[in-house]
Amino acid sequence: LFPSPPEGRLNPSIWVGGLGTVTQTHYDVYDNVLTNLCGRKRVRVFAPSDVPSLCMFPDADPRSRKSQLPLDEVGGGVEPLLDVVISYGDGVFIPAFYPHHCEVVEDEVCQSLSVSVNVFSS
């Protein structure tokens, strides 16, 4: 259903954001390693079984795999499997199909800036 990345290709992405920048709760179809290069980021990872409670857009919607609600409006007792703040040099592995939410938080060294890179692999 989803094409695999070409063999041996890592498919990195870089993310830059200021204090309070939020990545909407979503899930990816590939395994993901998120590494912070500067600043701090709060990462919350949920179980795939929480997808219905996280109010994801339907598959046919252009916003599929993303939550329709801000995380603080999600009910139903949804609790993250992992709730961690990563700093520069820290990384977190996020398995495919595990919903996750990221938010830039305050940092003394990089002030209000966060820079991170993630690498997707099948």
Foldseek 3Di string as FASTA:
>chain_A
DDDFDPPPDFDKDKDKDFAFDKDFWFFAQFKKKKAWAAAKKKKFWFDLVCVVQQQADDPVDPRGRGGPDHPVPRDDPGHGPDIDMHHHGDMDIHGGSIIMMMGGHADPPRGGMIMMMMTTHD
